[in-house]
Amino acid sequence: AYFKVPHANFFDIPIGICTHTIYKWLDWLVDSNRKNMFTNFYEIITMFVVIPVTSCGCEQAFSNLSITKSKLRSTISQERLESLLLLFVEQEMTRSIEFYILALLKSLKLLATRLRLEMYIR
């Protein structure tokens, strides 16, 4: 899977036609200290790896928005709608939330509010 350049044993350049080859190029440039030598190439393939190819994520978010909206939309504030949409889009992360931590944070917030009120009463 590596192309060997004649007369240069240290110059193993990854070749291939799949997306894994791009990651191999990035690793090769970093590991062989050639990142500074091929700066433009390194920047281009780094952008290629980071920038999404499709807009499926956005389309899915808008699809989820229409599911999240309901007849009560007019009574829901924009901030609450955005929060509900975020929870709906990130369902996997939402399921992993430790609810006892949320209860603890809520009780701390209530305690802080009580302490602030007691300061004004005294």
Protein backbone atom coordinates (compact mmCIF):
# COMPACT_ATOMS: atom_id res chain seq x y z
CA ALA A 1 0.00 0.00 0.00
CA TYR A 2 3.04 2.24 0.05
CA PHE A 3 4.84 3.52 -3.04
CA LYS A 4 8.61 3.29 -2.67
CA VAL A 5 10.64 5.97 -4.41
CA PRO A 6 13.92 4.57 -5.77
CA HIS A 7 17.11 5.66 -3.99
CA ALA A 8 15.21 6.94 -0.97
CA ASN A 9 14.30 4.39 1.69
CA PHE A 10 12.88 7.06 4.01
CA PHE A 11 10.42 8.37 1.42
CA ASP A 12 7.46 5.95 1.70
CA ILE A 13 4.51 7.86 0.25
CA PRO A 14 1.06 6.36 0.91
CA ILE A 15 -0.93 5.74 -2.26
CA GLY A 16 -4.52 4.72 -2.72
CA ILE A 17 -7.91 5.78 -3.96
CA CYS A 18 -9.99 5.74 -0.77
CA THR A 19 -10.53 8.35 1.91
CA HIS A 20 -8.25 6.49 4.32
CA THR A 21 -5.35 7.47 2.07
CA ILE A 22 -5.87 11.13 2.98
CA TYR A 23 -5.44 10.29 6.65
CA LYS A 24 -2.32 8.31 5.74
CA TRP A 25 -0.98 11.39 3.87
CA LEU A 26 -1.60 13.56 6.92
CA ASP A 27 0.17 11.05 9.15
CA TRP A 28 3.03 10.73 6.66
CA LEU A 29 3.52 14.50 6.44
CA VAL A 30 3.58 14.86 10.22
CA ASP A 31 5.64 11.72 10.96
CA SER A 32 8.26 12.45 8.30
CA ASN A 33 8.53 16.14 9.28
CA ARG A 34 7.43 17.27 5.82
CA LYS A 35 4.45 19.31 7.01
CA ASN A 36 6.47 22.53 6.70
CA MET A 37 7.89 21.52 3.34
CA PHE A 38 4.45 20.91 1.79
CA THR A 39 2.46 23.53 3.69
CA ASN A 40 -0.15 24.18 0.99
CA PHE A 41 -0.76 20.48 0.41
CA TYR A 42 -1.01 19.88 4.15
CA GLU A 43 -3.53 22.73 4.56
CA ILE A 44 -5.64 21.52 1.63
CA ILE A 45 -5.93 17.94 2.84
CA THR A 46 -6.55 19.13 6.40
CA MET A 47 -9.46 21.24 5.12
CA PHE A 48 -10.68 18.33 3.01
CA VAL A 49 -10.83 16.13 6.09
CA VAL A 50 -12.61 18.74 8.23
CA ILE A 51 -15.16 20.28 5.84
CA PRO A 52 -18.31 18.16 5.45
CA VAL A 53 -19.04 16.90 1.95
CA THR A 54 -22.83 17.05 2.22
CA SER A 55 -25.40 19.18 3.98
CA CYS A 56 -27.18 16.19 5.52
CA GLY A 57 -26.59 17.51 9.03
CA CYS A 58 -28.38 20.78 8.27
CA GLU A 59 -31.18 19.03 6.41
CA GLN A 60 -31.66 16.63 9.30
CA ALA A 61 -31.77 19.52 11.78
CA PHE A 62 -34.51 21.26 9.77
CA SER A 63 -36.40 17.98 9.50
CA ASN A 64 -36.15 17.58 13.27
CA LEU A 65 -37.32 21.17 13.70
CA SER A 66 -40.54 20.45 11.83
CA ILE A 67 -41.05 17.37 14.01
CA THR A 68 -40.36 19.37 17.18
CA LYS A 69 -42.76 22.16 16.22
CA SER A 70 -46.35 21.57 17.14
CA LYS A 71 -49.66 23.38 17.41
CA LEU A 72 -48.33 25.02 20.57
CA ARG A 73 -45.54 26.73 18.60
CA SER A 74 -47.04 30.17 19.08
CA THR A 75 -46.83 29.79 22.86
CA ILE A 76 -43.22 28.54 22.88
CA SER A 77 -40.46 31.13 22.99
CA GLN A 78 -37.68 30.98 20.40
CA GLU A 79 -35.10 30.16 23.09
CA ARG A 80 -37.15 27.22 24.38
CA LEU A 81 -37.74 25.94 20.83
CA GLU A 82 -34.00 26.06 20.12
CA SER A 83 -33.31 24.19 23.36
CA LEU A 84 -35.87 21.51 22.51
CA LEU A 85 -34.44 21.18 19.01
CA LEU A 86 -30.93 20.78 20.41
CA LEU A 87 -32.12 18.04 22.75
CA PHE A 88 -33.93 16.31 19.88
CA VAL A 89 -30.96 16.49 17.49
CA GLU A 90 -28.50 15.30 20.14
CA GLN A 91 -30.65 12.43 21.40
CA GLU A 92 -27.74 10.04 21.97
CA MET A 93 -25.95 12.57 24.17
CA THR A 94 -29.19 13.42 25.94
CA ARG A 95 -29.73 9.78 26.88
CA SER A 96 -26.33 9.61 28.53
CA ILE A 97 -26.95 12.55 30.89
CA GLU A 98 -26.67 11.68 34.54
CA PHE A 99 -29.92 13.06 35.94
CA TYR A 100 -28.74 13.01 39.54
CA ILE A 101 -26.11 15.61 38.54
CA LEU A 102 -28.86 17.81 37.08
CA ALA A 103 -30.85 17.46 40.31
CA LEU A 104 -27.76 18.41 42.30
CA LEU A 105 -27.14 21.48 40.13
CA LYS A 106 -30.79 22.50 40.48
CA SER A 107 -30.61 22.20 44.27
CA LEU A 108 -27.39 24.25 44.31
CA LYS A 109 -29.08 26.94 42.23
CA LEU A 110 -32.03 26.99 44.62
CA LEU A 111 -29.64 27.15 47.58
CA ALA A 112 -27.75 30.06 46.01
CA THR A 113 -31.04 31.87 45.41
CA ARG A 114 -32.08 31.30 49.03
CA LEU A 115 -28.74 32.58 50.30
CA ARG A 116 -29.05 35.74 48.18
CA LEU A 117 -32.56 36.36 49.52
CA GLU A 118 -31.39 35.87 53.11
CA MET A 119 -28.71 38.52 52.55
CA TYR A 120 -31.41 41.06 51.66
CA ILE A 121 -33.63 40.10 54.59
CA ARG A 122 -30.93 40.66 57.22
